[in-house]
């Protein structure tokens, strides 16, 4: 696995700035704490700082292959003690030699005082802990990001599954009615039955070829709804009339979920045409303002008829799809008056 510090320029820059800060602190400690003049103090700080910056890159492998991230604390401690002791010894001996060579000091660490050696060992231990901590933080941060990505993917998959289930509940209802009508037409009007089968096939091909979250233009949606209405008109004839108003002035950029109108039109047919003894008109008014597509579907009802009782699957599924796609629960409103039923649909325009 590649060292995360070397993965991109930003990490390298931050790592360099981190060591620059430590070099500055080291210089000031030498100057004010041990009364070393500025030039030698700076040289020593640069040698020791740059040296451990290079040594610190190898600490990644200790962090990566020890058991702390897997919960094995004892194994991690022992690995770090062994690796830390070795790396600090190499760093200390090398840095002492280079500093002595540049500043004309003794170049062998054996010639250094015990106090001098131990404070440098303590400095190396601090450096080691800081670098190891940086690596652990990078690992935990990366794991956190990966967890977030997995959760987003799972949420997206769950949303797709829920949408598929909602759509799957609508299609069988429509197919069942259509097959019943085809069965009846084969006895009385076989030509119309054949035409209905062709149109039903085209309509189902469209529903299968589009995902539940796909957004389409209003013109595409109305074109598909017209295909659905042609199937229904073969059942009801002149008894069914649907008028679309305002669609021609809606911008092509306006989008809505595919087949979101079909269950609403089907609901209007169910309660406005089934029980009507005369021609029934369904009015669809469409408007666009403030980046919202407004669709209003109105159908007449007859109070003296025995209304078809249902479970409201169509409206419930539309609400469910809107909630999943737009994360809003109030985009579909229904209003029942004396002889009229109205559905108001609001489609926010998402940034593409």
Protein backbone atom coordinates (compact mmCIF):
# COMPACT_ATOMS: atom_id res chain seq x y z
CA UNK A 1 0.00 0.00 0.00
CA UNK A 2 1.43 3.39 -1.01
CA UNK A 3 2.43 5.77 1.78
CA UNK A 4 -0.52 8.20 2.05
CA UNK A 5 1.83 11.18 2.43
CA UNK A 6 3.34 10.44 -0.99
CA UNK A 7 -0.04 9.93 -2.69
CA UNK A 8 -0.58 13.54 -3.67
CA UNK A 9 1.09 16.93 -3.59
CA UNK A 10 -1.19 18.33 -0.92
CA UNK A 11 -0.12 15.68 1.60
CA UNK A 12 3.55 16.21 0.74
CA UNK A 13 3.14 19.97 1.21
CA UNK A 14 1.42 19.56 4.58
CA UNK A 15 4.08 17.07 5.69
CA UNK A 16 6.81 19.54 4.67
CA UNK A 17 5.15 22.41 6.52
CA UNK A 18 4.79 20.18 9.59
CA UNK A 19 8.53 19.54 9.64
CA UNK A 20 9.33 23.17 8.92
CA UNK A 21 7.40 24.10 12.06
CA UNK A 22 9.28 21.48 14.10
CA UNK A 23 12.62 22.73 12.73
CA UNK A 24 11.76 26.28 13.81
CA UNK A 25 10.78 25.09 17.29
CA UNK A 26 13.94 22.97 17.51
CA UNK A 27 16.08 25.98 16.53
CA UNK A 28 14.51 28.20 19.18
CA UNK A 29 14.93 25.53 21.85
CA UNK A 30 18.63 25.20 21.04
CA UNK A 31 19.15 28.96 21.01
CA UNK A 32 17.18 29.87 24.11
CA UNK A 33 17.44 26.63 26.05
CA UNK A 34 21.05 25.70 25.44
CA UNK A 35 22.44 29.12 24.42
CA UNK A 36 23.53 27.85 20.99
CA UNK A 37 24.04 30.71 18.54
CA UNK A 38 21.49 30.99 15.73
CA UNK A 39 23.50 29.62 12.80
CA UNK A 40 24.66 26.34 14.38
CA UNK A 41 21.23 25.94 16.00
CA UNK A 42 19.51 26.27 12.62
CA UNK A 43 21.92 23.86 10.91
CA UNK A 44 21.44 21.25 13.64
CA UNK A 45 17.65 21.64 13.59
CA UNK A 46 17.56 21.27 9.79
CA UNK A 47 19.74 18.14 9.82
CA UNK A 48 17.80 16.44 12.61
CA UNK A 49 14.41 17.57 11.29
CA UNK A 50 14.99 16.61 7.64
CA UNK A 51 16.60 13.37 8.77
CA UNK A 52 13.56 12.30 10.75
CA UNK A 53 11.24 13.52 8.00
CA UNK A 54 12.84 10.90 5.76
CA UNK A 55 12.93 8.26 8.50
CA UNK A 56 9.29 9.05 9.24
CA UNK A 57 8.22 7.81 5.82
CA UNK A 58 9.22 4.28 6.84
CA UNK A 59 7.08 4.47 9.99
CA UNK A 60 4.07 4.07 7.70
CA UNK A 61 4.90 0.39 7.21
CA UNK A 62 5.06 -0.17 10.96
CA UNK A 63 1.68 1.52 11.40
CA UNK A 64 0.16 -0.23 8.38
CA UNK A 65 1.16 -3.76 9.34
CA UNK A 66 0.76 -3.66 13.13
CA UNK A 67 -2.44 -4.72 14.82
CA UNK A 68 -3.67 -1.47 16.41
CA UNK A 69 -6.28 -0.80 13.73
CA UNK A 70 -7.41 -4.43 14.17
CA UNK A 71 -7.65 -4.10 17.94
CA UNK A 72 -4.34 -5.90 18.77
CA UNK A 73 -2.89 -3.25 21.09
CA UNK A 74 -0.09 -5.38 22.60
CA UNK A 75 1.27 -6.39 19.19
CA UNK A 76 1.22 -2.73 18.07
CA UNK A 77 3.07 -1.53 21.18
CA UNK A 78 5.81 -4.14 20.85
CA UNK A 79 6.20 -3.48 17.12
CA UNK A 80 6.50 0.26 17.67
CA UNK A 81 9.01 -0.16 20.51
CA UNK A 82 11.24 -2.35 18.35
CA UNK A 83 10.89 -0.26 15.19
CA UNK A 84 11.13 3.02 17.10
CA UNK A 85 14.32 1.99 18.89
CA UNK A 86 16.00 0.95 15.65
CA UNK A 87 14.91 3.99 13.64
CA UNK A 88 15.82 6.47 16.39
CA UNK A 89 19.29 4.90 16.72
CA UNK A 90 19.90 5.11 12.95
CA UNK A 91 18.54 8.67 12.81
CA UNK A 92 20.54 9.81 15.84
CA UNK A 93 23.86 8.34 14.69
CA UNK A 94 23.45 9.65 11.13
CA UNK A 95 22.31 13.14 12.17
CA UNK A 96 25.08 13.42 14.77
CA UNK A 97 27.68 12.54 12.15
CA UNK A 98 26.32 15.02 9.56
CA UNK A 99 26.00 17.82 12.14
CA UNK A 100 29.51 17.23 13.39
CA UNK A 101 30.87 17.23 9.87
CA UNK A 102 29.09 20.51 8.95
CA UNK A 103 29.84 22.34 12.19
CA UNK A 104 33.24 20.76 12.86
CA UNK A 105 31.99 19.01 16.00
CA UNK A 106 32.84 15.43 16.99
CA UNK A 107 31.23 13.12 14.41
CA UNK A 108 30.87 10.02 16.56
CA UNK A 109 27.93 9.75 18.91
CA UNK A 110 30.16 7.89 21.33
CA UNK A 111 31.89 11.18 22.03
CA UNK A 112 28.62 12.86 23.10
CA UNK A 113 27.69 13.27 26.75
CA UNK A 114 25.02 11.06 28.31
CA UNK A 115 22.73 14.06 28.85
CA UNK A 116 23.14 15.16 25.24
CA UNK A 117 22.34 11.68 23.91
CA UNK A 118 19.28 11.17 26.10
CA UNK A 119 17.61 14.48 25.29
CA UNK A 120 18.08 13.70 21.60
CA UNK A 121 16.64 10.22 22.12
CA UNK A 122 13.65 11.86 23.85
CA UNK A 123 13.34 14.24 20.89
CA UNK A 124 13.42 11.28 18.49
CA UNK A 125 10.72 9.50 20.54
CA UNK A 126 8.53 12.60 20.36
CA UNK A 127 9.08 12.82 16.60
CA UNK A 128 8.25 9.12 16.23
CA UNK A 129 5.02 9.46 18.22
CA UNK A 130 3.94 12.53 16.22
CA UNK A 131 4.56 10.86 12.86
CA UNK A 132 2.88 7.60 13.95
CA UNK A 133 -0.11 9.62 15.18
CA UNK A 134 -0.34 11.36 11.79
CA UNK A 135 -0.46 7.99 10.04
CA UNK A 136 -3.11 6.61 12.39
CA UNK A 137 -5.22 9.71 11.88
CA UNK A 138 -4.87 9.30 8.10
CA UNK A 139 -5.94 5.64 8.36
CA UNK A 140 -8.93 6.43 10.56
CA UNK A 141 -9.93 9.32 8.30
CA UNK A 142 -9.66 7.11 5.20
CA UNK A 143 -11.70 4.38 6.90
CA UNK A 144 -14.29 6.97 7.88
CA UNK A 145 -14.53 8.23 4.30
CA UNK A 146 -14.84 4.68 2.96
CA UNK A 147 -17.55 3.96 5.52
CA UNK A 148 -19.42 7.08 4.44
CA UNK A 149 -19.13 6.05 0.79
CA UNK A 150 -20.42 2.55 1.61
CA UNK A 151 -23.34 4.03 3.55
CA UNK A 152 -24.18 6.35 0.66
CA UNK A 153 -24.00 3.43 -1.78
CA UNK A 154 -26.19 1.30 0.49
CA UNK A 155 -28.66 4.15 0.89
CA UNK A 156 -28.72 4.63 -2.89
CA UNK A 157 -29.22 0.90 -3.42
CA UNK A 158 -31.99 0.84 -0.83
CA UNK A 159 -33.65 3.82 -2.48
CA UNK A 160 -33.47 2.13 -5.89
CA UNK A 161 -34.92 -1.03 -4.37
CA UNK A 162 -37.77 0.85 -2.72
CA UNK A 163 -38.52 2.70 -5.96
CA UNK A 164 -38.49 -0.58 -7.87
CA UNK A 165 -40.90 -2.08 -5.37
CA UNK A 166 -43.20 0.93 -5.65
CA UNK A 167 -43.16 0.75 -9.42
CA UNK A 168 -43.64 -3.00 -9.36
CA UNK A 169 -46.83 -2.51 -7.34
CA UNK A 170 -48.30 -0.17 -9.96
CA UNK A 171 -47.56 -2.09 -13.16
CA UNK A 172 -49.38 -5.36 -12.25
CA UNK A 173 -52.53 -3.38 -11.43
CA UNK A 174 -52.52 -1.72 -14.84
CA UNK A 175 -51.56 -4.95 -16.66
CA UNK A 176 -54.36 -6.85 -14.92
CA UNK A 177 -56.97 -4.33 -16.09
CA UNK A 178 -55.55 -4.27 -19.61
CA UNK A 179 -55.54 -8.06 -19.92
CA UNK A 180 -59.14 -8.19 -18.72
CA UNK A 181 -60.08 -5.66 -21.38
CA UNK A 182 -58.16 -7.56 -24.07
CA UNK A 183 -59.95 -10.75 -23.04
CA UNK A 184 -63.33 -9.01 -23.47
CA UNK A 185 -62.37 -7.37 -26.77
CA UNK A 186 -61.26 -10.66 -28.34
CA UNK A 187 -64.90 -11.76 -28.32
CA UNK A 188 -66.54 -8.56 -29.51
CA UNK A 189 -63.86 -6.48 -31.29
CA UNK A 190 -60.85 -8.66 -32.16
CA UNK A 191 -59.23 -5.86 -34.25
CA UNK A 192 -59.25 -3.55 -31.24
CA UNK A 193 -57.89 -6.36 -29.07
CA UNK A 194 -54.94 -6.77 -31.44
CA UNK A 195 -54.29 -3.02 -31.46
CA UNK A 196 -54.47 -2.92 -27.68
CA UNK A 197 -51.91 -5.72 -27.39
CA UNK A 198 -49.51 -3.80 -29.66
CA UNK A 199 -49.91 -0.57 -27.70
CA UNK A 200 -49.61 -2.38 -24.37
CA UNK A 201 -46.40 -4.00 -25.59
CA UNK A 202 -44.93 -0.60 -26.54
CA UNK A 203 -45.94 0.91 -23.24
CA UNK A 204 -44.43 -1.91 -21.19
CA UNK A 205 -41.23 -1.78 -23.24
CA UNK A 206 -40.88 1.86 -22.22
CA UNK A 207 -41.46 1.14 -18.52
CA UNK A 208 -38.89 -1.66 -18.52
CA UNK A 209 -36.28 0.45 -20.32
CA UNK A 210 -36.28 3.35 -17.86
CA UNK A 211 -35.10 3.42 -14.25
CA UNK A 212 -37.30 4.61 -11.40
CA UNK A 213 -35.07 7.60 -10.63
CA UNK A 214 -34.66 8.74 -14.24
CA UNK A 215 -35.87 12.26 -14.92
CA UNK A 216 -37.43 12.98 -18.30
CA UNK A 217 -38.74 16.06 -20.02
CA UNK A 218 -42.43 16.91 -19.83
CA UNK A 219 -42.84 16.26 -23.56
CA UNK A 220 -41.42 12.74 -23.13
CA UNK A 221 -43.73 12.07 -20.20
CA UNK A 222 -46.82 13.31 -22.05
CA UNK A 223 -45.87 11.24 -25.10
CA UNK A 224 -45.76 8.14 -22.92
CA UNK A 225 -49.02 9.07 -21.19
CA UNK A 226 -50.67 9.49 -24.60
CA UNK A 227 -49.65 5.92 -25.41
CA UNK A 228 -51.22 4.81 -22.14
CA UNK A 229 -54.39 6.80 -22.92
CA UNK A 230 -54.69 5.19 -26.34
CA UNK A 231 -54.86 1.84 -24.55
CA UNK A 232 -57.52 3.13 -22.17
CA UNK A 233 -59.55 4.71 -24.99
CA UNK A 234 -59.82 1.31 -26.62
CA UNK A 235 -61.63 0.28 -23.43
CA UNK A 236 -63.80 3.36 -22.89
CA UNK A 237 -64.11 4.85 -26.38
CA UNK A 238 -65.60 8.35 -26.52
CA UNK A 239 -66.45 8.10 -22.86
CA UNK A 240 -62.86 9.14 -22.01
CA UNK A 241 -61.39 12.54 -22.89
CA UNK A 242 -58.15 14.00 -21.48
CA UNK A 243 -57.08 17.58 -22.12
CA UNK A 244 -53.55 18.89 -21.52
CA UNK A 245 -53.25 22.65 -21.05
CA UNK A 246 -50.05 24.67 -20.73
CA UNK A 247 -47.65 21.91 -21.79
CA UNK A 248 -46.56 23.77 -24.93
CA UNK A 249 -45.03 26.67 -22.94
CA UNK A 250 -43.06 24.57 -20.46
CA UNK A 251 -39.26 24.76 -21.05
CA UNK A 252 -37.63 21.58 -22.29
CA UNK A 253 -35.20 21.77 -19.37
CA UNK A 254 -38.03 21.08 -16.92
CA UNK A 255 -37.77 17.47 -15.73
CA UNK A 256 -39.96 15.06 -13.78
CA UNK A 257 -39.68 11.38 -12.78
CA UNK A 258 -40.67 9.10 -15.63
CA UNK A 259 -44.21 7.71 -15.45
CA UNK A 260 -45.05 9.80 -12.41
CA UNK A 261 -48.28 10.94 -14.10
CA UNK A 262 -49.53 7.50 -15.20
CA UNK A 263 -50.90 6.38 -11.81
CA UNK A 264 -52.49 9.82 -11.30
CA UNK A 265 -54.24 9.67 -14.68
CA UNK A 266 -55.23 6.08 -13.95
CA UNK A 267 -56.67 7.20 -10.61
CA UNK A 268 -58.69 9.93 -12.36
CA UNK A 269 -60.01 7.38 -14.87
CA UNK A 270 -60.89 4.99 -12.08
CA UNK A 271 -62.99 7.51 -10.16
CA UNK A 272 -64.11 9.74 -13.02
CA UNK A 273 -64.85 7.39 -15.90
CA UNK A 274 -65.66 3.96 -14.50
CA UNK A 275 -68.90 5.07 -12.88
CA UNK A 276 -69.83 7.84 -15.27
CA UNK A 277 -72.79 7.17 -17.57
CA UNK A 278 -71.76 9.95 -19.93
CA UNK A 279 -68.58 11.31 -21.48
CA UNK A 280 -66.04 12.28 -18.82
CA UNK A 281 -63.23 14.79 -19.27
CA UNK A 282 -60.03 14.81 -17.29
CA UNK A 283 -58.31 18.19 -17.22
CA UNK A 284 -54.53 18.40 -16.84
CA UNK A 285 -53.22 21.93 -16.22
CA UNK A 286 -49.45 22.45 -16.32
CA UNK A 287 -47.48 25.53 -15.25
CA UNK A 288 -43.87 26.40 -14.48
CA UNK A 289 -42.59 29.03 -12.04
CA UNK A 290 -39.76 29.52 -9.54
CA UNK A 291 -38.03 26.33 -10.72
CA UNK A 292 -41.09 24.25 -9.88
CA UNK A 293 -43.25 22.31 -12.30
CA UNK A 294 -46.90 22.52 -11.20
CA UNK A 295 -49.33 19.87 -12.50
CA UNK A 296 -53.01 19.81 -11.60
CA UNK A 297 -55.25 16.86 -12.59
CA UNK A 298 -59.01 17.27 -12.18
CA UNK A 299 -61.77 14.76 -12.81
CA UNK A 300 -65.49 14.88 -12.14
CA UNK A 301 -67.21 12.38 -9.84
CA UNK A 302 -70.82 11.29 -9.43
CA UNK A 303 -72.13 11.20 -5.89
CA UNK A 304 -74.99 8.86 -6.73
CA UNK A 305 -72.66 6.22 -8.13
CA UNK A 306 -71.11 3.43 -6.16
CA UNK A 307 -67.47 4.40 -6.28
CA UNK A 308 -64.83 1.78 -6.84
CA UNK A 309 -63.19 1.09 -3.54
CA UNK A 310 -59.44 0.69 -3.57
CA UNK A 311 -56.43 0.83 -1.34
CA UNK A 312 -55.06 4.04 -2.84
CA UNK A 313 -51.98 2.26 -4.18
CA UNK A 314 -51.51 4.75 -7.03
CA UNK A 315 -51.40 7.91 -4.92
CA UNK A 316 -49.44 6.17 -2.16
CA UNK A 317 -46.79 5.03 -4.61
CA UNK A 318 -46.47 8.45 -6.20
CA UNK A 319 -45.97 9.99 -2.76
CA UNK A 320 -43.39 7.33 -1.98
CA UNK A 321 -41.42 7.97 -5.18
CA UNK A 322 -41.48 11.73 -4.64
CA UNK A 323 -40.32 11.31 -1.05
CA UNK A 324 -37.40 9.13 -2.11
CA UNK A 325 -36.32 11.29 -5.05
CA UNK A 326 -36.91 14.80 -3.66
CA UNK A 327 -36.95 14.05 0.10
CA UNK A 328 -40.14 15.99 0.60
CA UNK A 329 -43.49 14.68 1.86
CA UNK A 330 -45.81 17.47 0.67
CA UNK A 331 -45.32 17.46 -3.12
CA UNK A 332 -48.63 15.69 -3.78
CA UNK A 333 -51.91 17.20 -2.54
CA UNK A 334 -55.46 15.95 -3.10
CA UNK A 335 -58.71 17.88 -2.80
CA UNK A 336 -62.24 16.39 -2.86
CA UNK A 337 -65.19 18.64 -3.59
CA UNK A 338 -68.85 17.81 -4.15
CA UNK A 339 -68.53 16.58 -7.76
CA UNK A 340 -64.83 16.97 -8.36
CA UNK A 341 -61.56 15.37 -7.36
CA UNK A 342 -58.30 17.29 -7.82
CA UNK A 343 -54.68 16.21 -7.54
CA UNK A 344 -51.94 18.85 -7.33
CA UNK A 345 -48.38 17.75 -8.06
CA UNK A 346 -45.30 19.90 -7.49
CA UNK A 347 -41.99 18.86 -9.05
CA UNK A 348 -38.89 20.78 -7.86
CA UNK A 349 -36.21 21.18 -10.51
CA UNK A 350 -33.00 19.57 -9.34
CA UNK A 351 -29.66 21.00 -10.44
CA UNK A 352 -28.37 18.90 -13.30
